[in-house]
Amino acid sequence: MRGSEQGGQHVTGWCSQPPRGMEEAELQEKEFFSWEEFSTFFDAWCEHRKVLFFVKNSVPLSKCKWATAPPQPGVVEALKYSSVRLVCKDVRGSSKPTQGGQQKGCSASIVLKMSPSKDRLIVTECQLAHNHTLCPIEFAYYFKKGYLMANSCLPVRTTNKISKQFVGAQDVRRLLSYCKSRDHGVLDVLHGLDSLFASDPGAKVKLVFMEDKVIVKTIFFLTSRMMVLAQRFPLMLFFDRMVGLNEEFDLYTVLCVDGTGRGHECTYCLTRKETPDLLRFTLASLVQSVPEVKFKVRCVTLGIEITNLEAVKELLPNARVQICRSQVLETLFNKAQELGVAEDERIWPLLCQLASSKSPAAYNQAVQEMKAIFPHGFVRYFCRHWQPRSEMWVQFWAFETACNVNACELLKEHQHRLLSALSPPLTVAQCILDLTAMQASGTATAEDQELDEEELAARYRSVCKPEPAGLIEEELGFARHSLYSCQETAEGYRLNDGPSEFCMDQALTHCSCSIHTSPLLPCRHIFAMRLRTGAPLFDPALLPKDPVAPLPTC
């Protein structure tokens, strides 16, 4: 069959066919509960038969007017159309005349319509007889897997190309210009990322789409502030699932710990549930975004459900792996319950003793006691799954113990704060907007917002005379309640409060503003940036060498 130019979108087809009546009987009245389901079926079914189709016309559900109750929003999102007509690529006939004159157009077609129950698409018409020879070569040239899905929103070739790549503000705007409709939440997600780049042009974003589909699978991003935190506090990282956003997506975060023991997000990863190898993807994306952390991380603590732990050593060569101790403890207790031995009052205290062992001898003693009390099935499970990894979860070997950080509590508290701040269920797009707003405000968690000005002011009053101490207290108040945009520079940091811009050094001890340069006291800008980066707000290095000296006169 000779190729011909088409004004529509080429979709699919078939070559060696069973009897036409059998084909039509199989397809007639076939039901699909989503446009994605039909697209996947039609791709595979038609790829086997090697004939090209395109969408001749369609009626989007979002544009329909209803005399009765309209379909639920979830149904509109899933089905996309109230009716679709697919026709053979040769519907217009061959462009070159045959011996008998111009070839008539092919009448092969398929029609889908929404069911009366408004919850599925049904094949209501199918005419599968072709009046031309089927050509596998032409099919191989024109056929593009996933084109039915691309017809809804973005070209599949575009999403396949950018998938797993970092995208910038211009890439997001270009994708927005390509969008044809609000399918799969893609448009809303792109608008969310556009807002992120508008507030923070230096943000890093990586998008992952399902292969051959215009469906967002994973969004990895971190703001400029989060990059600063990762650079400043790379020693210990924590990675776990934090929030279930809705029935399809979860939010994972990587946390770092500042000098005061507080946790801060340094990456966000929004991904579909049960996405494989997420640890490797997230850590690789973090290292690509902040290369300095690669050899500085000494420990990564993971939630118990995280798999492929070997990825940590591959991507962070100097890091050791730990598993959240409290989660291991809960898993062991649940296993004991499963085996029917959790009623024994000795079980929980012994498991706690095992997990909190302060020496190898204490651990070995607890293991021996466990073997004497627990049934053989539990001991076998423990020796197979947890004994070989004891250095990853028993307190004696814990990296964070020496740093006075409770990893389990840090993860639990952070999860609780995010749940309170985000209030699931919510869409991925809304989550991006909420997380962006939290980062733009300079505080990502409720704990970060709790600036105990009175305690800090008291500490400064203890080393300063009343007048400078009063000025410092005033500046602390401005640091909390003012809005700033910040940017890292080669020399340190740049902060903008709207009308003016100020520069600070890397140590965050000096600022170019007159508040600091005249009396040499810490200003609101230094406090605001320290609050953003997790640096301590009380620091003797912020004061003049003679902090009790009177203020210089202007």
Protein backbone atom coordinates (compact mmCIF):
# COMPACT_ATOMS: atom_id res chain seq x y z
CA MET A 1 0.00 0.00 0.00
CA ARG A 2 1.34 3.38 -0.95
CA GLY A 3 1.71 6.01 1.77
CA SER A 4 -0.66 8.97 1.71
CA GLU A 5 -0.67 12.28 3.54
CA GLN A 6 -3.17 12.51 6.41
CA GLY A 7 -4.68 15.48 8.16
CA GLY A 8 -5.62 13.46 11.27
CA GLN A 9 -3.60 11.57 13.80
CA HIS A 10 -2.35 8.10 12.90
CA VAL A 11 -3.09 5.53 15.52
CA THR A 12 -3.13 1.79 14.91
CA GLY A 13 -4.09 -1.17 12.77
CA TRP A 14 -3.82 -4.89 11.86
CA CYS A 15 -2.60 -7.16 9.00
CA SER A 16 -3.44 -10.88 9.07
CA GLN A 17 -7.08 -10.97 10.11
CA PRO A 18 -9.42 -13.72 11.24
CA PRO A 19 -12.80 -13.77 9.47
CA ARG A 20 -14.31 -10.30 9.54
CA GLY A 21 -17.49 -11.40 11.27
CA MET A 22 -15.50 -12.95 14.11
CA GLU A 23 -13.39 -9.81 14.49
CA GLU A 24 -16.43 -7.57 14.67
CA ALA A 25 -18.24 -9.87 17.08
CA GLU A 26 -15.25 -9.81 19.44
CA LEU A 27 -15.01 -6.03 19.40
CA GLN A 28 -18.71 -5.11 19.36
CA GLU A 29 -20.00 -4.07 22.80
CA LYS A 30 -16.54 -4.43 24.36
CA GLU A 31 -16.29 -2.26 27.50
CA PHE A 32 -13.47 -0.08 28.84
CA PHE A 33 -13.43 1.73 32.18
CA SER A 34 -10.86 4.35 31.17
CA TRP A 35 -9.41 5.91 28.04
CA GLU A 36 -6.03 4.61 29.14
CA GLU A 37 -7.40 1.05 29.26
CA PHE A 38 -8.78 1.39 25.74
CA SER A 39 -5.56 2.96 24.47
CA THR A 40 -3.42 0.14 25.88
CA PHE A 41 -5.77 -2.51 24.50
CA PHE A 42 -6.06 -0.85 21.09
CA ASP A 43 -2.29 -0.41 20.74
CA ALA A 44 -1.59 -4.09 21.35
CA TRP A 45 -4.62 -5.39 19.45
CA CYS A 46 -3.99 -3.26 16.40
CA GLU A 47 -0.19 -3.60 16.41
CA HIS A 48 -0.78 -7.30 15.80
CA ARG A 49 -2.91 -6.51 12.74
CA LYS A 50 -0.80 -3.75 11.14
CA VAL A 51 -3.42 -1.23 9.96
CA LEU A 52 -3.32 2.48 10.76
CA PHE A 53 -6.26 4.35 12.24
CA PHE A 54 -6.70 7.92 13.38
CA VAL A 55 -9.28 9.79 15.45
CA LYS A 56 -11.70 11.28 12.96
CA ASN A 57 -13.78 13.12 15.55
CA SER A 58 -14.45 13.07 19.27
CA VAL A 59 -16.53 14.80 21.95
CA PRO A 60 -14.65 15.50 25.21
CA LEU A 61 -16.67 14.88 28.35
CA SER A 62 -15.43 18.15 29.81
CA LYS A 63 -17.32 20.05 27.08
CA CYS A 64 -20.60 18.14 27.27
CA LYS A 65 -23.83 19.67 28.55
CA TRP A 66 -26.07 17.34 30.54
CA ALA A 67 -29.84 17.27 30.86
CA THR A 68 -29.46 14.88 33.80
CA ALA A 69 -26.79 14.55 36.49
CA PRO A 70 -23.31 14.77 34.92
CA PRO A 71 -20.67 12.06 35.45
CA GLN A 72 -18.49 12.28 38.54
CA PRO A 73 -15.23 14.28 38.08
CA GLY A 74 -13.19 11.09 38.47
CA VAL A 75 -15.16 9.49 35.63
CA VAL A 76 -14.61 12.52 33.39
CA GLU A 77 -10.88 12.29 34.12
CA ALA A 78 -10.80 8.55 33.37
CA LEU A 79 -13.02 8.29 30.28
CA LYS A 80 -12.07 11.61 28.60
CA TYR A 81 -14.73 11.39 25.87
CA SER A 82 -18.45 10.82 25.48
CA SER A 83 -17.88 9.54 21.94
CA VAL A 84 -14.94 8.81 19.64
CA ARG A 85 -14.86 7.75 15.99
CA LEU A 86 -11.72 6.04 14.66
CA VAL A 87 -11.31 5.59 10.89
CA CYS A 88 -8.79 3.88 8.66
CA LYS A 89 -5.87 5.96 7.48
CA ASP A 90 -7.00 5.39 3.89
CA VAL A 91 -10.44 6.87 4.50
CA ARG A 92 -9.78 9.40 1.71
CA GLY A 93 -8.57 6.80 -0.74
CA SER A 94 -5.28 6.47 -2.59
CA SER A 95 -3.75 9.67 -3.92
CA LYS A 96 -2.77 7.93 -7.17
CA PRO A 97 -5.37 6.51 -9.60
CA THR A 98 -5.48 2.78 -10.28
CA GLN A 99 -6.28 1.18 -13.63
CA GLY A 100 -9.96 1.45 -12.83
CA GLY A 101 -9.69 5.10 -11.75
CA GLN A 102 -9.44 6.75 -8.30
CA GLN A 103 -9.60 4.21 -5.45
CA LYS A 104 -12.54 4.74 -3.11
CA GLY A 105 -11.80 5.61 0.49
CA CYS A 106 -11.66 2.80 3.03
CA SER A 107 -14.77 2.54 5.19
CA ALA A 108 -13.23 0.63 8.11
CA SER A 109 -14.15 2.39 11.34
CA ILE A 110 -14.77 1.94 15.06
CA VAL A 111 -17.07 4.01 17.29
CA LEU A 112 -16.96 4.20 21.08
CA LYS A 113 -19.61 5.87 23.22
CA MET A 114 -20.11 6.38 26.91
CA SER A 115 -22.55 3.89 28.42
CA PRO A 116 -25.98 5.00 29.70
CA SER A 117 -24.66 4.37 33.22
CA LYS A 118 -21.96 7.00 32.53
CA ASP A 119 -19.14 4.88 33.94
CA ARG A 120 -17.53 3.21 30.90
CA LEU A 121 -16.86 3.41 27.17
CA ILE A 122 -18.50 0.83 24.89
CA VAL A 123 -17.72 -0.09 21.27
CA THR A 124 -21.10 0.60 19.66
CA GLU A 125 -20.09 0.27 16.00
CA CYS A 126 -17.26 -1.51 14.19
CA GLN A 127 -16.80 -2.08 10.48
CA LEU A 128 -13.48 -3.84 9.97
CA ALA A 129 -13.43 -4.66 6.24
CA HIS A 130 -10.64 -2.85 4.36
CA ASN A 131 -10.76 -2.26 0.61
CA HIS A 132 -6.97 -2.10 0.18
CA THR A 133 -3.90 -4.22 0.69
CA LEU A 134 -2.36 -4.01 4.16
CA CYS A 135 1.27 -2.91 4.20
CA PRO A 136 3.48 -3.78 7.22
CA ILE A 137 6.21 -1.43 5.97
CA GLU A 138 3.91 1.57 5.96
CA PHE A 139 2.57 0.54 9.34
CA ALA A 140 6.09 0.37 10.83
CA TYR A 141 6.81 3.86 9.50
CA TYR A 142 3.66 5.59 10.78
CA PHE A 143 2.70 3.65 13.90
CA LYS A 144 3.52 5.38 17.20
CA LYS A 145 2.67 3.49 20.35
CA GLY A 146 0.59 5.51 22.79
CA TYR A 147 -0.80 7.94 20.21
CA LEU A 148 -4.32 7.63 21.54
CA MET A 149 -3.08 8.89 24.88
CA ALA A 150 -1.04 11.61 23.16
CA ASN A 151 -4.18 12.74 21.40
CA SER A 152 -5.54 13.70 24.83
CA CYS A 153 -2.78 16.02 25.97
CA LEU A 154 0.92 15.94 25.00
CA PRO A 155 2.75 14.07 22.22
CA VAL A 156 4.10 10.77 23.57
CA ARG A 157 7.40 11.36 21.79
CA THR A 158 7.79 14.53 23.88
CA THR A 159 7.10 12.87 27.23
CA ASN A 160 9.33 9.91 26.36
CA LYS A 161 12.15 12.31 25.50
CA ILE A 162 12.06 14.41 28.66
CA SER A 163 11.21 11.58 31.06
CA LYS A 164 13.84 11.07 33.80
CA GLN A 165 15.53 14.33 32.78
CA PHE A 166 15.88 17.59 34.69
CA VAL A 167 13.60 20.29 33.29
CA GLY A 168 13.87 24.05 33.62
CA ALA A 169 11.37 26.88 33.55
CA GLN A 170 11.53 27.13 29.75
CA ASP A 171 10.92 23.38 29.37
CA VAL A 172 7.83 23.59 31.57
CA ARG A 173 6.47 26.57 29.63
CA ARG A 174 7.08 24.74 26.35
CA LEU A 175 5.20 21.69 27.63
CA LEU A 176 2.35 23.94 28.71
CA SER A 177 2.16 25.38 25.21
CA TYR A 178 1.91 21.84 23.79
CA CYS A 179 -0.98 20.78 26.07
CA LYS A 180 -4.28 20.25 24.30
CA SER A 181 -6.49 19.43 27.27
CA ARG A 182 -6.50 18.85 31.04
CA ASP A 183 -5.86 15.13 30.82
CA HIS A 184 -4.26 13.03 33.56
CA GLY A 185 -3.66 16.07 35.74
CA VAL A 186 -0.63 16.84 33.54
CA LEU A 187 -1.64 20.43 32.91
CA ASP A 188 -2.21 21.11 36.60
CA VAL A 189 1.15 19.55 37.50
CA LEU A 190 2.91 21.70 34.91
CA HIS A 191 1.19 24.82 36.26
CA GLY A 192 2.39 23.84 39.74
CA LEU A 193 5.96 23.50 38.49
CA ASP A 194 5.62 26.80 36.63
CA SER A 195 4.69 28.44 39.95
CA LEU A 196 7.70 26.79 41.58
CA PHE A 197 10.07 28.23 38.97
CA ALA A 198 8.37 31.64 39.19
CA SER A 199 9.12 31.82 42.92
CA ASP A 200 12.49 30.06 42.69
CA PRO A 201 14.24 30.08 39.27
CA GLY A 202 17.12 28.06 40.72
CA ALA A 203 14.96 25.08 41.71
CA LYS A 204 15.84 21.62 40.38
CA VAL A 205 13.03 19.49 38.91
CA LYS A 206 13.07 16.03 37.36
CA LEU A 207 9.96 14.62 35.69
CA VAL A 208 9.24 10.94 35.00
CA PHE A 209 6.39 9.87 32.72
CA MET A 210 5.06 6.36 32.18
CA GLU A 211 6.66 4.91 29.08
CA ASP A 212 4.60 5.56 25.94
CA LYS A 213 1.93 7.31 28.00
CA VAL A 214 1.20 10.91 28.90
CA ILE A 215 0.86 10.07 32.58
CA VAL A 216 3.07 11.57 35.28
CA LYS A 217 4.79 8.86 37.30
CA THR A 218 7.26 10.73 39.53
CA ILE A 219 8.21 14.34 40.30
CA PHE A 220 11.51 15.03 42.06
CA PHE A 221 12.30 18.58 43.10
CA LEU A 222 14.25 20.70 45.52
CA THR A 223 14.35 24.45 45.98
CA SER A 224 17.40 26.67 46.22
CA ARG A 225 16.96 26.76 49.99
CA MET A 226 16.90 22.96 50.15
CA MET A 227 20.11 22.79 48.12
CA VAL A 228 21.77 25.14 50.61
CA LEU A 229 20.64 22.91 53.48
CA ALA A 230 22.00 19.79 51.77
CA GLN A 231 25.34 21.52 51.17
CA ARG A 232 25.50 22.81 54.73
CA PHE A 233 24.38 19.67 56.62
CA PRO A 234 25.25 16.58 54.56
CA LEU A 235 26.53 14.38 57.41
CA MET A 236 23.29 12.46 58.11
CA LEU A 237 20.41 11.93 55.70
CA PHE A 238 17.04 10.28 56.33
CA PHE A 239 14.76 8.87 53.62
CA ASP A 240 11.25 7.50 54.00
CA ARG A 241 7.67 7.69 52.83
CA MET A 242 6.14 10.61 54.68
CA VAL A 243 2.60 11.18 53.43
CA GLY A 244 0.05 9.31 51.33
CA LEU A 245 -1.27 12.13 49.16
CA ASN A 246 -4.19 10.18 47.70
CA GLU A 247 -5.05 6.70 46.43
CA GLU A 248 -2.35 6.88 43.73
CA PHE A 249 0.56 9.03 45.00
CA ASP A 250 2.89 9.14 48.01
CA LEU A 251 5.29 11.84 49.16
CA TYR A 252 8.84 10.80 50.06
CA THR A 253 11.43 13.18 51.47
CA VAL A 254 15.13 13.25 52.19
CA LEU A 255 15.91 15.01 55.46
CA CYS A 256 19.16 16.47 56.72
CA VAL A 257 19.91 17.55 60.31
CA ASP A 258 21.22 20.96 61.31
CA GLY A 259 23.62 21.74 64.14
CA THR A 260 20.79 21.93 66.67
CA GLY A 261 19.39 18.49 65.78
CA ARG A 262 16.42 19.78 63.78
CA GLY A 263 15.39 18.02 60.58
CA HIS A 264 15.00 19.88 57.28
CA GLU A 265 13.78 18.63 53.90
CA CYS A 266 16.45 18.65 51.23
CA THR A 267 14.43 16.82 48.53
CA TYR A 268 10.81 16.05 47.72
CA CYS A 269 9.78 13.06 45.63
CA LEU A 270 6.12 12.65 44.68
CA THR A 271 5.59 9.26 43.08
CA ARG A 272 2.98 6.67 42.25
CA LYS A 273 2.54 3.97 44.86
CA GLU A 274 4.83 0.94 44.56
CA THR A 275 7.25 2.69 42.20
CA PRO A 276 10.34 0.44 42.11
CA ASP A 277 13.93 1.48 42.91
CA LEU A 278 12.87 4.84 44.31
CA LEU A 279 15.85 5.08 46.66
CA ARG A 280 18.34 4.89 43.80
CA PHE A 281 16.40 7.42 41.72
CA THR A 282 16.09 9.90 44.60
CA LEU A 283 19.70 9.71 45.77
CA ALA A 284 21.03 9.87 42.20
CA SER A 285 18.90 12.96 41.54
CA LEU A 286 20.11 14.56 44.79
CA VAL A 287 23.77 13.95 43.89
CA GLN A 288 23.17 15.37 40.41
CA SER A 289 21.57 18.46 41.96
CA VAL A 290 24.10 18.94 44.79
CA PRO A 291 27.34 17.15 43.75
CA GLU A 292 29.14 18.30 46.92
CA VAL A 293 27.20 15.83 49.07
CA LYS A 294 28.50 12.70 47.32
CA PHE A 295 31.51 12.13 49.58
CA LYS A 296 30.31 14.06 52.64
CA VAL A 297 27.36 11.89 53.67
CA ARG A 298 28.35 9.49 56.45
CA CYS A 299 25.01 7.86 57.24
CA VAL A 300 21.64 7.33 55.53
CA THR A 301 18.76 6.15 57.73
CA LEU A 302 15.91 4.50 55.83
CA GLY A 303 12.34 3.52 56.56
CA ILE A 304 11.79 -0.21 56.86
CA GLU A 305 9.83 -0.42 53.58
CA ILE A 306 12.67 1.06 51.50
CA THR A 307 14.33 -1.54 49.24
CA ASN A 308 17.56 -1.79 47.21
CA LEU A 309 19.75 -0.61 50.08
CA GLU A 310 22.89 -1.29 48.04
CA ALA A 311 22.13 1.89 46.08
CA VAL A 312 23.35 3.95 49.06
CA LYS A 313 26.91 2.65 48.84
CA GLU A 314 26.97 2.99 45.06
CA LEU A 315 25.88 6.64 45.09
CA LEU A 316 27.29 7.80 48.46
CA PRO A 317 30.56 5.85 48.84
CA ASN A 318 31.36 7.04 52.38
CA ALA A 319 27.88 6.47 53.81
CA ARG A 320 26.66 3.61 55.95
CA VAL A 321 23.06 2.40 55.93
CA GLN A 322 20.78 2.31 58.93
CA ILE A 323 17.15 1.22 59.26
CA CYS A 324 14.74 3.10 61.51
CA ARG A 325 14.96 1.26 64.83
CA SER A 326 11.39 1.86 65.98
CA GLN A 327 10.05 0.53 62.68
CA VAL A 328 12.14 -2.65 63.05
CA LEU A 329 10.82 -3.03 66.59
CA GLU A 330 7.22 -2.69 65.41
CA THR A 331 7.84 -5.23 62.63
CA LEU A 332 9.27 -7.76 65.07
CA PHE A 333 6.34 -7.31 67.44
CA ASN A 334 3.82 -7.69 64.60
CA LYS A 335 5.55 -10.92 63.58
CA ALA A 336 5.25 -12.16 67.17
CA GLN A 337 1.53 -11.31 67.09
CA GLU A 338 1.17 -13.17 63.80
CA LEU A 339 2.68 -16.27 65.45
CA GLY A 340 0.41 -15.90 68.46
CA VAL A 341 3.07 -15.20 71.10
CA ALA A 342 2.62 -11.46 71.63
CA GLU A 343 0.33 -12.07 74.62
CA ASP A 344 3.36 -13.06 76.68
CA GLU A 345 4.18 -10.00 78.82
CA ARG A 346 7.90 -10.66 78.38
CA ILE A 347 7.83 -10.23 74.58
CA TRP A 348 7.72 -6.43 74.18
CA PRO A 349 10.28 -5.61 76.92
CA LEU A 350 12.68 -8.18 75.50
CA LEU A 351 12.36 -6.78 71.97
CA CYS A 352 13.00 -3.26 73.33
CA GLN A 353 16.03 -4.56 75.22
CA LEU A 354 17.30 -6.18 72.02
CA ALA A 355 16.92 -2.99 69.93
CA SER A 356 18.41 -0.67 72.55
CA SER A 357 21.44 -2.83 73.40
CA LYS A 358 24.37 -0.65 74.52
CA SER A 359 27.11 -3.19 73.70
CA PRO A 360 27.68 -6.33 71.58
CA ALA A 361 27.62 -8.40 74.76
CA ALA A 362 24.24 -6.97 75.77
CA TYR A 363 22.89 -7.64 72.30
CA ASN A 364 24.12 -11.25 72.28
CA GLN A 365 22.62 -11.78 75.75
CA ALA A 366 19.24 -10.46 74.54
CA VAL A 367 19.38 -12.77 71.51
CA GLN A 368 19.98 -15.78 73.77
CA GLU A 369 17.04 -14.79 75.98
CA MET A 370 14.90 -14.38 72.88
CA LYS A 371 15.78 -17.87 71.67
CA ALA A 372 14.75 -19.29 75.04
CA ILE A 373 11.36 -17.54 75.08
CA PHE A 374 10.23 -17.14 71.46
CA PRO A 375 8.97 -20.02 69.30
CA HIS A 376 11.25 -21.59 66.71
CA GLY A 377 9.35 -19.96 63.82
CA PHE A 378 10.03 -16.46 65.13
CA VAL A 379 13.69 -17.20 65.89
CA ARG A 380 14.14 -18.56 62.36
CA TYR A 381 12.53 -15.41 60.91
CA PHE A 382 14.72 -13.16 63.08
CA CYS A 383 17.95 -14.99 62.22
CA ARG A 384 17.13 -14.88 58.52
CA HIS A 385 16.01 -11.25 58.18
CA TRP A 386 17.33 -9.16 61.09
CA GLN A 387 20.32 -10.84 62.71
CA PRO A 388 22.55 -10.33 59.62
CA ARG A 389 21.61 -6.62 59.60
CA SER A 390 21.89 -5.97 63.34
CA GLU A 391 24.47 -3.21 62.79
CA MET A 392 21.84 -1.31 60.79
CA TRP A 393 19.25 -1.06 63.58
CA VAL A 394 20.63 -1.92 67.04
CA GLN A 395 21.36 1.20 69.11
CA PHE A 396 24.98 0.34 69.95
CA TRP A 397 26.00 0.54 66.30
CA ALA A 398 23.80 3.55 65.46
CA PHE A 399 25.66 6.44 63.84
CA GLU A 400 23.31 9.11 65.13
CA THR A 401 23.76 8.11 68.78
CA ALA A 402 27.20 9.74 68.84
CA CYS A 403 25.62 12.88 67.35
CA ASN A 404 22.80 12.95 69.91
CA VAL A 405 20.10 12.57 67.23
CA ASN A 406 17.12 10.24 67.57
CA ALA A 407 16.48 9.20 63.98
CA CYS A 408 13.22 7.42 64.75
CA GLU A 409 11.70 10.39 66.55
CA LEU A 410 12.94 12.79 63.88
CA LEU A 411 11.19 10.82 61.10
CA LYS A 412 8.00 10.39 63.12
CA GLU A 413 7.76 14.06 64.12
CA HIS A 414 8.49 15.23 60.60
CA GLN A 415 5.81 12.94 59.19
CA HIS A 416 3.30 14.29 61.72
CA ARG A 417 4.11 17.90 60.83
CA LEU A 418 3.75 17.27 57.10
CA LEU A 419 0.43 15.52 57.62
CA SER A 420 -0.82 18.53 59.56
CA ALA A 421 0.47 21.02 57.00
CA LEU A 422 -0.70 19.26 53.83
CA SER A 423 -4.01 17.74 55.04
CA PRO A 424 -4.36 14.81 52.58
CA PRO A 425 -6.04 13.73 50.43
CA LEU A 426 -4.91 16.24 47.83
CA THR A 427 -3.80 16.24 44.21
CA VAL A 428 -0.17 16.10 43.15
CA ALA A 429 -0.48 19.59 41.66
CA GLN A 430 -1.87 21.00 44.91
CA CYS A 431 0.90 19.29 46.88
CA ILE A 432 3.52 20.95 44.67
CA LEU A 433 1.90 24.34 45.27
CA ASP A 434 1.69 23.77 49.03
CA LEU A 435 5.27 22.55 49.34
CA THR A 436 6.48 25.45 47.19
CA ALA A 437 4.64 27.93 49.41
CA MET A 438 6.11 26.36 52.53
CA GLN A 439 9.63 26.60 51.15
CA ALA A 440 9.09 30.12 49.81
CA SER A 441 8.07 31.27 53.27
CA GLY A 442 11.47 30.09 54.47
CA THR A 443 10.04 27.45 56.78
CA ALA A 444 9.06 23.98 55.66
CA THR A 445 7.61 22.70 58.92
CA ALA A 446 5.65 23.94 61.89
CA GLU A 447 8.67 23.40 64.11
CA ASP A 448 10.74 25.75 61.98
CA GLN A 449 8.11 28.44 62.54
CA GLU A 450 8.44 28.16 66.31
CA LEU A 451 11.05 30.83 66.88
CA ASP A 452 11.31 31.33 70.64
CA GLU A 453 12.19 35.00 70.51
CA GLU A 454 11.94 35.44 74.28
CA GLU A 455 14.49 32.73 75.00
CA LEU A 456 16.87 34.03 72.34
CA ALA A 457 16.45 37.61 73.53
CA ALA A 458 17.22 36.51 77.10
CA ARG A 459 20.44 34.86 75.94
CA TYR A 460 21.52 38.01 74.10
CA ARG A 461 20.59 40.15 77.12
CA SER A 462 22.91 38.00 79.21
CA VAL A 463 25.92 39.07 77.13
CA CYS A 464 24.87 42.56 75.94
CA LYS A 465 23.87 45.85 77.51
CA PRO A 466 20.13 46.65 77.42
CA GLU A 467 20.26 48.96 74.38
CA PRO A 468 22.00 46.58 71.92
CA ALA A 469 20.06 43.63 73.36
CA GLY A 470 16.83 45.53 72.67
CA LEU A 471 17.86 46.17 69.07
CA ILE A 472 18.73 42.49 68.58
CA GLU A 473 15.32 41.46 69.96
CA GLU A 474 13.65 43.84 67.51
CA GLU A 475 15.62 42.39 64.60
CA LEU A 476 14.62 38.85 65.63
CA GLY A 477 10.98 39.90 65.36
CA PHE A 478 11.50 41.30 61.86
CA ALA A 479 13.28 38.07 60.82
CA ARG A 480 10.23 36.06 61.73
CA HIS A 481 7.48 38.24 60.32
CA SER A 482 9.05 39.71 57.15
CA LEU A 483 9.01 38.10 53.70
CA TYR A 484 12.27 37.79 51.79
CA SER A 485 13.54 36.15 48.63
CA CYS A 486 17.00 34.66 48.96
CA GLN A 487 19.67 33.40 46.61
CA GLU A 488 23.04 31.74 47.13
CA THR A 489 26.06 33.45 45.52
CA ALA A 490 29.75 32.62 45.15
CA GLU A 491 30.57 34.93 48.07
CA GLY A 492 27.66 33.92 50.31
CA TYR A 493 23.99 34.90 50.08
CA ARG A 494 21.84 37.64 48.57
CA LEU A 495 18.55 38.64 50.22
CA ASN A 496 15.85 40.84 48.72
CA ASP A 497 13.11 42.46 50.83
CA GLY A 498 11.37 44.15 47.89
CA PRO A 499 12.86 47.64 47.58
CA SER A 500 16.42 46.70 48.59
CA GLU A 501 18.97 43.93 48.23
CA PHE A 502 21.60 42.89 50.79
CA CYS A 503 24.65 40.63 50.65
CA MET A 504 25.94 38.29 53.36
CA ASP A 505 29.04 36.14 53.74
CA GLN A 506 29.09 32.33 53.80
CA ALA A 507 29.40 32.27 57.60
CA LEU A 508 26.32 34.48 57.94
CA THR A 509 28.07 36.85 60.33
CA HIS A 510 28.22 39.99 58.17
CA CYS A 511 25.60 41.86 56.13
CA SER A 512 25.83 44.87 53.82
CA CYS A 513 22.84 46.63 55.41
CA SER A 514 23.28 49.75 57.56
CA ILE A 515 21.70 48.03 60.56
CA HIS A 516 24.71 45.73 60.69
CA THR A 517 27.50 47.93 59.34
CA SER A 518 26.89 50.78 61.80
CA PRO A 519 26.64 49.12 65.23
CA LEU A 520 28.04 45.76 64.00
CA LEU A 521 25.11 43.91 65.54
CA PRO A 522 23.23 40.99 63.95
CA CYS A 523 20.45 42.24 61.69
CA ARG A 524 17.10 40.85 60.56
CA HIS A 525 18.65 39.69 57.28
CA ILE A 526 21.29 37.56 59.02
CA PHE A 527 18.65 36.06 61.31
CA ALA A 528 16.29 35.38 58.38
CA MET A 529 18.98 33.61 56.38
CA ARG A 530 20.13 31.64 59.43
CA LEU A 531 16.54 30.57 59.98
CA ARG A 532 16.37 29.40 56.37
CA THR A 533 19.63 27.46 56.44
CA GLY A 534 19.28 25.98 59.91
CA ALA A 535 22.23 27.87 61.36
CA PRO A 536 21.95 28.72 65.09
CA LEU A 537 20.23 32.01 65.87
CA PHE A 538 22.27 32.55 69.01
CA ASP A 539 25.92 32.75 68.04
CA PRO A 540 28.60 34.77 69.87
CA ALA A 541 30.35 35.21 66.52
CA LEU A 542 27.54 37.61 65.57
CA LEU A 543 28.54 40.08 68.28
CA PRO A 544 31.39 42.63 68.27
CA LYS A 545 34.55 41.64 70.10
CA ASP A 546 33.40 43.88 72.96
CA PRO A 547 29.65 43.11 73.12
CA VAL A 548 29.12 45.09 76.32
CA ALA A 549 30.57 48.28 74.84
CA PRO A 550 28.06 51.09 74.23
CA LEU A 551 26.67 51.55 70.75
CA PRO A 552 28.64 53.95 68.54
CA THR A 553 26.88 57.22 67.87
CA CYS A 554 25.88 58.15 64.37
